[in-house]
N, C-alpha and C. Protein backbone atom coordinates (compact mmCIF):
# COMPACT_ATOMS: atom_id res chain seq x y z
N UNK A 1 0.85 -1.30 0.14
CA UNK A 1 -0.11 -0.15 -0.17
C UNK A 1 0.99 1.04 0.15
N UNK A 2 0.60 2.19 -0.85
CA UNK A 2 1.43 3.55 -1.27
C UNK A 2 0.95 4.39 -0.19
N UNK A 3 1.71 5.44 0.29
CA UNK A 3 1.29 6.60 1.11
C UNK A 3 0.22 7.33 0.28
N UNK A 4 -0.07 7.42 -0.97
CA UNK A 4 -1.26 7.84 -1.60
C UNK A 4 -2.48 7.16 -1.17
N UNK A 5 -2.58 5.96 -1.28
CA UNK A 5 -3.89 5.43 -0.45
C UNK A 5 -4.26 5.74 0.57
N UNK A 6 -3.48 6.06 1.47
CA UNK A 6 -3.82 6.46 2.79
C UNK A 6 -4.60 7.56 2.83
N UNK A 7 -4.60 8.43 1.82
CA UNK A 7 -5.18 9.90 1.62
C UNK A 7 -6.62 9.50 1.45
N UNK A 8 -6.82 8.46 0.23
CA UNK A 8 -8.08 7.58 0.02
C UNK A 8 -8.72 7.18 1.32
N UNK A 9 -8.15 6.38 2.00
CA UNK A 9 -8.90 5.80 3.13
C UNK A 9 -9.23 6.64 3.99
N UNK A 10 -8.40 7.61 4.62
CA UNK A 10 -8.63 8.66 5.37
C UNK A 10 -9.78 9.36 5.20
N UNK A 11 -9.84 9.96 3.63
CA UNK A 11 -10.81 10.57 3.05
C UNK A 11 -12.08 10.20 3.38
N UNK A 12 -12.16 8.49 2.88
CA UNK A 12 -13.61 8.31 2.76
C UNK A 12 -14.18 7.83 4.38
N UNK A 13 -13.16 8.10 5.36
CA UNK A 13 -13.24 7.86 6.90
C UNK A 13 -14.00 9.15 6.94
N UNK A 14 -13.38 10.06 6.53
CA UNK A 14 -13.88 11.51 7.08
C UNK A 14 -15.17 11.65 6.49
N UNK A 15 -15.39 11.21 5.48
CA UNK A 15 -16.58 11.76 4.50
C UNK A 15 -17.76 10.66 5.64
N UNK A 16 -17.29 9.56 5.72
CA UNK A 16 -18.46 8.70 6.59
C UNK A 16 -18.73 9.41 7.92
N UNK A 17 -17.72 9.59 8.50
CA UNK A 17 -17.86 10.61 9.98
C UNK A 17 -18.81 11.82 9.84
N UNK A 18 -18.53 12.49 8.63
CA UNK A 18 -19.06 14.00 8.39
C UNK A 18 -20.57 13.41 8.53
N UNK A 19 -20.76 12.32 7.63
CA UNK A 19 -22.24 11.99 7.40
C UNK A 19 -23.21 11.47 9.02
N UNK A 20 -22.07 10.72 9.57
CA UNK A 20 -22.69 10.48 10.93
C UNK A 20 -22.88 11.64 11.89
N UNK A 21 -22.22 12.64 11.70
CA UNK A 21 -22.29 13.84 12.42
C UNK A 21 -23.69 14.78 12.26
N UNK A 22 -23.88 14.81 10.83
CA UNK A 22 -24.82 15.52 10.49
C UNK A 22 -26.21 14.56 10.62
N UNK A 23 -26.24 13.36 10.39
CA UNK A 23 -27.44 12.37 11.02
C UNK A 23 -27.60 12.49 12.46
N UNK A 24 -26.42 12.68 13.25
CA UNK A 24 -26.73 12.68 14.82
C UNK A 24 -27.34 14.16 14.98
N UNK A 25 -26.81 14.90 14.40
CA UNK A 25 -27.29 16.60 14.62
C UNK A 25 -28.68 16.80 14.16
N UNK A 26 -29.19 15.94 13.21
CA UNK A 26 -30.51 16.12 12.85
C UNK A 26 -31.33 15.37 13.82
N UNK A 27 -30.82 14.24 14.35
CA UNK A 27 -31.68 13.35 15.52
C UNK A 27 -31.90 14.34 16.75
N UNK A 28 -30.97 14.91 17.26
CA UNK A 28 -31.11 15.90 18.09
C UNK A 28 -31.84 17.09 18.02
N UNK A 29 -31.82 17.42 16.97
CA UNK A 29 -32.44 18.60 16.92
C UNK A 29 -34.17 18.52 16.44
N UNK A 30 -34.31 16.85 16.15
CA UNK A 30 -36.05 16.63 16.03
C UNK A 30 -36.37 15.90 17.35
N UNK A 31 -35.61 16.21 18.34
CA UNK A 31 -35.77 14.94 19.48
C UNK A 31 -37.07 15.48 20.18
N UNK A 32 -37.43 16.83 20.08
CA UNK A 32 -38.67 17.05 20.91
C UNK A 32 -39.50 17.60 19.81
N UNK A 33 -39.65 16.82 18.30
CA UNK A 33 -40.72 17.44 17.58
C UNK A 33 -41.87 16.66 17.77
N UNK A 34 -43.20 16.94 18.10
CA UNK A 34 -44.30 16.62 18.67
C UNK A 34 -45.11 16.18 17.31
N UNK A 35 -46.23 15.03 17.39
CA UNK A 35 -46.66 14.48 16.20
C UNK A 35 -47.94 14.22 16.68
N UNK A 36 -49.21 13.94 15.94
CA UNK A 36 -50.39 13.26 16.30
C UNK A 36 -50.78 12.11 15.86
N UNK A 37 -49.94 11.48 15.01
CA UNK A 37 -49.81 10.23 14.45
C UNK A 37 -48.48 9.46 14.58
N UNK A 38 -48.12 8.26 14.57
CA UNK A 38 -47.18 7.29 14.68
C UNK A 38 -46.77 7.67 13.04
N UNK A 39 -47.62 7.65 12.23
CA UNK A 39 -47.15 7.73 10.76
C UNK A 39 -46.12 9.22 10.25
N UNK A 40 -46.44 10.20 11.06
CA UNK A 40 -45.86 11.72 10.90
C UNK A 40 -44.59 11.99 11.66
N UNK A 41 -44.61 10.83 12.69
CA UNK A 41 -43.57 11.33 13.70
C UNK A 41 -42.10 10.87 13.20
N UNK A 42 -41.00 12.26 14.04
CA UNK A 42 -40.02 11.85 13.44
C UNK A 42 -39.31 10.21 14.20
N UNK A 43 -38.42 9.50 13.37
CA UNK A 43 -37.92 8.61 13.87
C UNK A 43 -36.43 8.75 13.62
N UNK A 44 -35.86 8.21 14.96
CA UNK A 44 -34.20 8.15 14.83
C UNK A 44 -33.32 7.56 13.44
N UNK A 45 -32.54 8.18 13.25
CA UNK A 45 -31.69 7.90 11.85
C UNK A 45 -30.37 7.58 12.18
N UNK A 46 -30.07 6.24 11.49
CA UNK A 46 -28.34 6.21 11.86
C UNK A 46 -27.88 5.50 10.70
N UNK A 47 -26.69 5.91 10.07
CA UNK A 47 -26.11 5.46 8.87
C UNK A 47 -25.18 4.08 9.33
N UNK A 48 -25.20 3.64 8.23
CA UNK A 48 -24.69 1.97 8.05
C UNK A 48 -23.77 2.22 7.14
N UNK A 49 -22.20 1.87 7.59
CA UNK A 49 -21.14 1.80 7.08
C UNK A 49 -20.81 0.20 6.36
N UNK A 50 -19.96 0.53 5.60
CA UNK A 50 -19.25 -1.20 5.11
C UNK A 50 -18.09 -0.56 4.38
N UNK A 51 -16.95 -1.72 4.58
CA UNK A 51 -15.63 -1.68 4.51
C UNK A 51 -15.50 -1.81 2.78
N UNK A 52 -14.65 -0.84 2.00
CA UNK A 52 -14.40 -0.81 0.83
C UNK A 52 -13.19 -1.83 0.79
N UNK A 53 -13.05 -2.83 -0.36
CA UNK A 53 -11.92 -3.57 -0.30
C UNK A 53 -11.15 -2.92 -1.34
N UNK A 54 -9.82 -2.99 -0.96
CA UNK A 54 -8.44 -2.93 -2.30
C UNK A 54 -9.08 -3.19 -3.34
N UNK A 55 -9.48 -4.47 -3.42
CA UNK A 55 -9.75 -4.87 -4.70
C UNK A 55 -10.67 -4.13 -5.68
N UNK A 56 -11.84 -3.21 -5.10
CA UNK A 56 -12.72 -2.49 -5.87
C UNK A 56 -12.04 -1.55 -6.25
N UNK A 57 -10.84 -0.49 -5.51
CA UNK A 57 -10.61 0.59 -6.11
C UNK A 57 -9.45 0.16 -6.88
N UNK A 58 -8.67 -0.72 -6.70
CA UNK A 58 -7.54 -1.00 -8.09
C UNK A 58 -7.81 -2.31 -8.36
N UNK A 59 -8.70 -2.56 -9.66
CA UNK A 59 -8.74 -3.97 -9.84
C UNK A 59 -7.62 -4.69 -10.34
N UNK A 60 -6.52 -3.86 -11.06
CA UNK A 60 -5.46 -4.20 -11.57
C UNK A 60 -4.52 -4.75 -10.47
N UNK A 61 -4.72 -4.40 -9.60
CA UNK A 61 -3.72 -4.58 -8.50
C UNK A 61 -3.98 -5.72 -7.71
N UNK A 62 -2.74 -6.52 -7.43
CA UNK A 62 -2.98 -7.78 -6.50
C UNK A 62 -2.79 -7.52 -5.35
N UNK A 63 -3.13 -8.61 -4.55
CA UNK A 63 -3.31 -8.78 -2.96
C UNK A 63 -1.87 -8.24 -2.60
N UNK A 64 -1.62 -8.29 -1.14
CA UNK A 64 -0.20 -8.10 -0.84
C UNK A 64 0.15 -9.15 0.03
N UNK A 65 -0.37 -10.30 -0.21
CA UNK A 65 0.02 -11.71 0.51
C UNK A 65 -0.86 -12.00 2.01
N UNK A 66 -1.79 -11.07 2.03
CA UNK A 66 -2.68 -11.31 3.15
C UNK A 66 -3.60 -12.54 2.87
N UNK A 67 -3.73 -13.03 4.09
CA UNK A 67 -4.60 -14.37 3.95
C UNK A 67 -6.24 -14.14 3.81
N UNK A 68 -6.86 -13.11 3.56
CA UNK A 68 -7.90 -12.84 3.50
C UNK A 68 -8.13 -12.99 1.87
N UNK A 69 -9.44 -13.51 1.45
CA UNK A 69 -9.33 -13.68 0.16
C UNK A 69 -10.25 -12.01 -0.54
N UNK A 70 -10.59 -11.20 0.41
CA UNK A 70 -11.01 -10.10 0.00
C UNK A 70 -10.01 -9.08 0.04
N UNK A 71 -8.64 -9.28 0.29
CA UNK A 71 -7.69 -8.38 0.28
C UNK A 71 -7.87 -7.37 1.52
N UNK A 72 -6.86 -6.55 1.14
CA UNK A 72 -6.59 -5.55 2.65
C UNK A 72 -8.07 -4.51 2.36
N UNK A 73 -8.57 -3.79 3.41
CA UNK A 73 -9.70 -2.73 3.48
C UNK A 73 -9.02 -1.57 2.71
N UNK A 74 -9.81 -0.73 2.12
CA UNK A 74 -9.45 0.65 1.55
C UNK A 74 -10.30 1.50 1.87
N UNK A 75 -10.89 1.73 2.62
CA UNK A 75 -11.80 2.52 3.38
C UNK A 75 -13.14 2.40 3.33
N UNK A 76 -14.15 3.59 3.70
CA UNK A 76 -15.49 3.03 4.28
C UNK A 76 -16.43 3.60 2.99
N UNK A 77 -17.57 2.86 2.80
CA UNK A 77 -18.72 3.26 2.22
C UNK A 77 -20.05 3.44 3.02
N UNK A 78 -20.57 4.38 2.63
CA UNK A 78 -21.86 4.58 3.31
C UNK A 78 -23.06 3.67 2.77
N UNK A 79 -23.30 2.46 3.13
CA UNK A 79 -24.39 1.79 2.62
C UNK A 79 -25.91 2.55 2.59
N UNK A 80 -26.01 3.31 3.72
CA UNK A 80 -27.34 3.79 3.59
C UNK A 80 -27.73 4.34 4.93
N UNK A 81 -28.86 5.02 5.18
CA UNK A 81 -29.42 5.74 6.51
C UNK A 81 -30.86 4.79 6.86
N UNK A 82 -30.62 4.49 7.88
CA UNK A 82 -31.82 3.48 8.52
C UNK A 82 -32.54 4.36 9.67
N UNK A 83 -34.09 4.18 9.58
CA UNK A 83 -34.50 4.73 10.40
C UNK A 83 -34.94 3.66 11.68
N UNK A 84 -34.95 4.20 12.89
CA UNK A 84 -35.14 3.24 14.04
C UNK A 84 -36.41 2.85 14.08
N UNK A 85 -36.67 1.36 14.13
CA UNK A 85 -37.83 1.08 14.80
C UNK A 85 -38.47 0.80 15.83
N UNK A 86 -37.65 1.32 17.06
CA UNK A 86 -37.73 1.47 18.18
C UNK A 86 -39.24 2.00 18.56
N UNK A 87 -39.67 1.99 19.81
CA UNK A 87 -41.01 2.44 19.72
C UNK A 87 -41.17 3.94 20.04
N UNK A 88 -42.36 4.62 19.73
CA UNK A 88 -42.16 5.96 19.83
C UNK A 88 -42.54 6.41 21.12
N UNK A 89 -42.14 7.57 21.77
CA UNK A 89 -42.91 7.94 22.86
C UNK A 89 -44.07 8.53 22.95
N UNK A 90 -44.87 8.21 23.52
CA UNK A 90 -46.53 8.45 23.54
C UNK A 90 -46.57 9.22 24.49
N UNK A 91 -46.97 10.59 24.87
CA UNK A 91 -47.31 11.28 26.12
C UNK A 91 -49.26 11.91 26.13
N UNK A 92 -49.52 11.92 27.28
CA UNK A 92 -51.06 12.39 27.32
C UNK A 92 -50.74 14.08 27.61
N UNK A 93 -51.04 14.50 26.46
CA UNK A 93 -50.97 16.11 26.56
C UNK A 93 -52.38 16.62 25.54
N UNK A 94 -53.49 16.56 26.33
CA UNK A 94 -54.34 16.64 25.84
C UNK A 94 -54.75 18.28 25.13
N UNK A 95 -53.95 19.21 25.84
CA UNK A 95 -54.28 20.56 25.35
C UNK A 95 -52.97 21.21 24.42
N UNK A 96 -52.31 20.04 24.06
CA UNK A 96 -51.16 20.32 22.92
C UNK A 96 -51.87 20.50 21.55
N UNK A 97 -51.36 21.25 20.85
CA UNK A 97 -51.95 21.67 19.61
C UNK A 97 -51.97 20.35 18.53
N UNK A 98 -50.95 19.67 18.88
CA UNK A 98 -50.71 18.07 17.91
C UNK A 98 -51.26 17.06 18.57
N UNK A 99 -52.18 17.11 19.48
CA UNK A 99 -52.53 16.02 20.25
C UNK A 99 -53.74 15.14 19.52
N UNK A 100 -53.68 14.17 19.51
CA UNK A 100 -54.85 13.17 18.50
C UNK A 100 -56.02 13.43 19.37
N UNK A 101 -57.09 12.74 18.68
CA UNK A 101 -58.63 12.74 19.20
C UNK A 101 -58.34 12.41 20.82
N UNK A 102 -57.50 11.30 21.08
CA UNK A 102 -57.48 11.03 22.69
C UNK A 102 -56.66 11.50 23.43
N UNK A 103 -55.79 12.67 22.94
CA UNK A 103 -55.31 13.59 23.73
C UNK A 103 -53.60 13.29 24.16
N UNK A 104 -53.48 12.05 23.09
CA UNK A 104 -51.96 11.90 23.08
C UNK A 104 -50.92 12.52 22.09
N UNK A 105 -49.82 12.66 22.26
CA UNK A 105 -49.01 13.30 21.33
C UNK A 105 -47.88 12.50 21.12
N UNK A 106 -47.44 12.15 19.93
CA UNK A 106 -46.13 11.38 19.66
C UNK A 106 -44.68 12.20 19.49
N UNK A 107 -44.00 11.38 20.47
CA UNK A 107 -42.78 12.15 20.26
C UNK A 107 -41.52 11.11 19.52
N UNK A 108 -40.59 11.77 19.12
CA UNK A 108 -39.60 10.71 18.44
C UNK A 108 -38.89 10.01 19.43
N UNK A 109 -38.27 8.62 18.58
CA UNK A 109 -37.76 7.61 19.25
C UNK A 109 -36.45 7.97 19.81
N UNK A 110 -35.77 9.15 19.96
CA UNK A 110 -34.62 9.81 20.04
C UNK A 110 -34.03 9.67 21.71
N UNK A 111 -32.87 9.12 21.87
CA UNK A 111 -32.47 9.23 22.92
C UNK A 111 -31.23 10.18 23.14
N UNK A 112 -31.26 11.34 23.68
CA UNK A 112 -30.34 12.47 23.38
C UNK A 112 -29.01 12.25 24.09
N UNK A 113 -28.69 11.46 25.09
CA UNK A 113 -27.74 11.05 25.64
C UNK A 113 -27.11 10.27 24.95
N UNK A 114 -27.50 9.24 24.38
CA UNK A 114 -27.09 8.22 23.37
C UNK A 114 -26.30 9.16 21.90
N UNK A 115 -27.46 10.09 21.78
CA UNK A 115 -26.94 11.02 20.24
C UNK A 115 -25.76 11.44 20.68
N UNK A 116 -25.83 12.28 22.00
CA UNK A 116 -24.55 13.10 22.15
C UNK A 116 -23.32 12.31 22.25
N UNK A 117 -23.46 11.15 22.99
CA UNK A 117 -22.28 10.13 22.81
C UNK A 117 -21.68 9.71 21.54
N UNK A 118 -22.78 9.40 20.74
CA UNK A 118 -22.43 9.09 19.04
C UNK A 118 -21.73 10.25 18.58
N UNK A 119 -22.27 11.66 18.90
CA UNK A 119 -21.51 12.68 18.50
C UNK A 119 -20.52 13.10 18.77
N UNK A 120 -20.05 12.58 20.11
CA UNK A 120 -18.58 12.66 20.49
C UNK A 120 -17.88 11.59 19.82
N UNK A 121 -18.13 10.59 19.53
CA UNK A 121 -17.60 9.48 19.07
C UNK A 121 -17.08 9.51 17.73
N UNK A 122 -18.12 9.80 16.79
CA UNK A 122 -17.86 10.26 15.49
C UNK A 122 -17.04 11.62 15.50
N UNK A 123 -17.07 12.52 16.03
CA UNK A 123 -16.24 13.67 16.24
C UNK A 123 -14.62 13.37 16.21
N UNK A 124 -14.70 12.36 17.22
CA UNK A 124 -13.19 12.04 17.41
C UNK A 124 -12.53 10.90 16.45
N UNK A 125 -13.40 10.21 15.88
CA UNK A 125 -13.19 9.52 14.37
C UNK A 125 -12.66 10.37 13.64
N UNK A 126 -13.36 11.61 13.24
CA UNK A 126 -12.84 12.48 12.16
C UNK A 126 -11.36 12.98 12.43
N UNK A 127 -11.59 13.42 13.76
CA UNK A 127 -10.18 13.88 13.99
C UNK A 127 -9.06 12.78 14.17
N UNK A 128 -9.13 11.68 14.35
CA UNK A 128 -8.06 10.55 14.25
C UNK A 128 -7.84 10.48 12.47
N UNK A 129 -9.13 10.56 11.61
CA UNK A 129 -8.73 10.59 10.29
C UNK A 129 -7.90 11.73 9.46
N UNK A 130 -8.16 12.66 10.40
CA UNK A 130 -7.28 14.27 10.18
C UNK A 130 -5.87 13.79 10.52
N UNK A 131 -5.66 13.40 11.40
CA UNK A 131 -4.22 12.81 12.09
C UNK A 131 -3.51 12.12 11.11
N UNK A 132 -4.23 10.96 10.76
CA UNK A 132 -3.90 9.81 10.01
C UNK A 132 -3.19 10.95 8.50
N UNK A 133 -4.18 11.69 8.22
CA UNK A 133 -3.77 12.46 6.76
C UNK A 133 -2.36 13.37 7.12
N UNK A 134 -2.78 13.86 8.16
CA UNK A 134 -1.29 15.01 8.60
C UNK A 134 0.05 14.18 8.59
N UNK A 135 -0.14 13.12 9.07
CA UNK A 135 0.87 11.90 9.37
C UNK A 135 1.47 11.81 8.01
N UNK A 136 0.71 11.26 7.17
CA UNK A 136 1.11 10.79 5.92
C UNK A 136 1.68 11.91 5.00
N UNK A 137 1.35 12.92 5.22
CA UNK A 137 1.63 14.30 4.51
C UNK A 137 2.99 14.55 5.12
N UNK A 138 3.34 14.36 6.34
CA UNK A 138 4.39 14.87 7.16
C UNK A 138 5.42 13.45 6.70
N UNK A 139 5.15 12.47 6.37
CA UNK A 139 6.17 11.55 5.99
C UNK A 139 6.17 11.86 4.45
N UNK A 140 5.68 12.03 3.67
CA UNK A 140 5.81 12.03 2.21
C UNK A 140 6.94 13.46 2.34
N UNK A 141 6.62 14.67 2.90
CA UNK A 141 7.62 15.91 2.87
C UNK A 141 8.77 15.36 3.33
N UNK A 142 9.07 14.33 4.22
CA UNK A 142 10.38 13.86 4.67
C UNK A 142 11.19 12.89 3.78
N UNK A 143 10.26 12.02 3.01
CA UNK A 143 10.84 11.80 1.60
C UNK A 143 11.37 12.37 0.82
N UNK A 144 10.78 13.49 0.43
CA UNK A 144 10.84 14.26 -0.18
C UNK A 144 12.36 15.02 -0.08
N UNK A 145 12.61 15.13 1.05
CA UNK A 145 13.79 15.84 1.59
C UNK A 145 14.75 14.93 1.56
N UNK A 146 14.90 13.32 1.55
CA UNK A 146 15.76 12.95 1.45
C UNK A 146 16.93 12.76 0.23
N UNK A 147 16.24 13.09 -0.83
CA UNK A 147 16.71 13.22 -2.01
C UNK A 147 17.54 14.59 -2.12
N UNK A 148 17.39 15.44 -1.25
CA UNK A 148 18.11 16.86 -1.36
C UNK A 148 19.54 16.66 -0.66
N UNK A 149 19.71 15.51 0.01
CA UNK A 149 20.81 15.71 1.08
C UNK A 149 21.96 14.87 0.21
């Protein structure tokens, strides 16, 4: 694996974590959104990631002697965003404008504490990918200075 591939791998990780941050922010922003029915209520969303294999990026390049048939990993791909099927919060608030005929209001199945932990995790993962890119850049700059001596 060349140093150039490291930028692709870290970049795909940064893209994935950015989407994860945006999804988490959307969940937190809609945590207290009221609805009169379960069909219209906001549901928590979570991105699904999958590993991209090296063979998919460079079909001409053979494996590096790893035991796995899939070859070494080459990044992250977002497979999709899933809506949570956890039960919505149903509260009895007959005076609420969004209350149904029985006086119940439906709130999203968003756990704000869990979302904040997810946001911190994705933020740190994004920063780790930035650090990987900076380290690879520093290594490439040092390689270029070797020829000057």
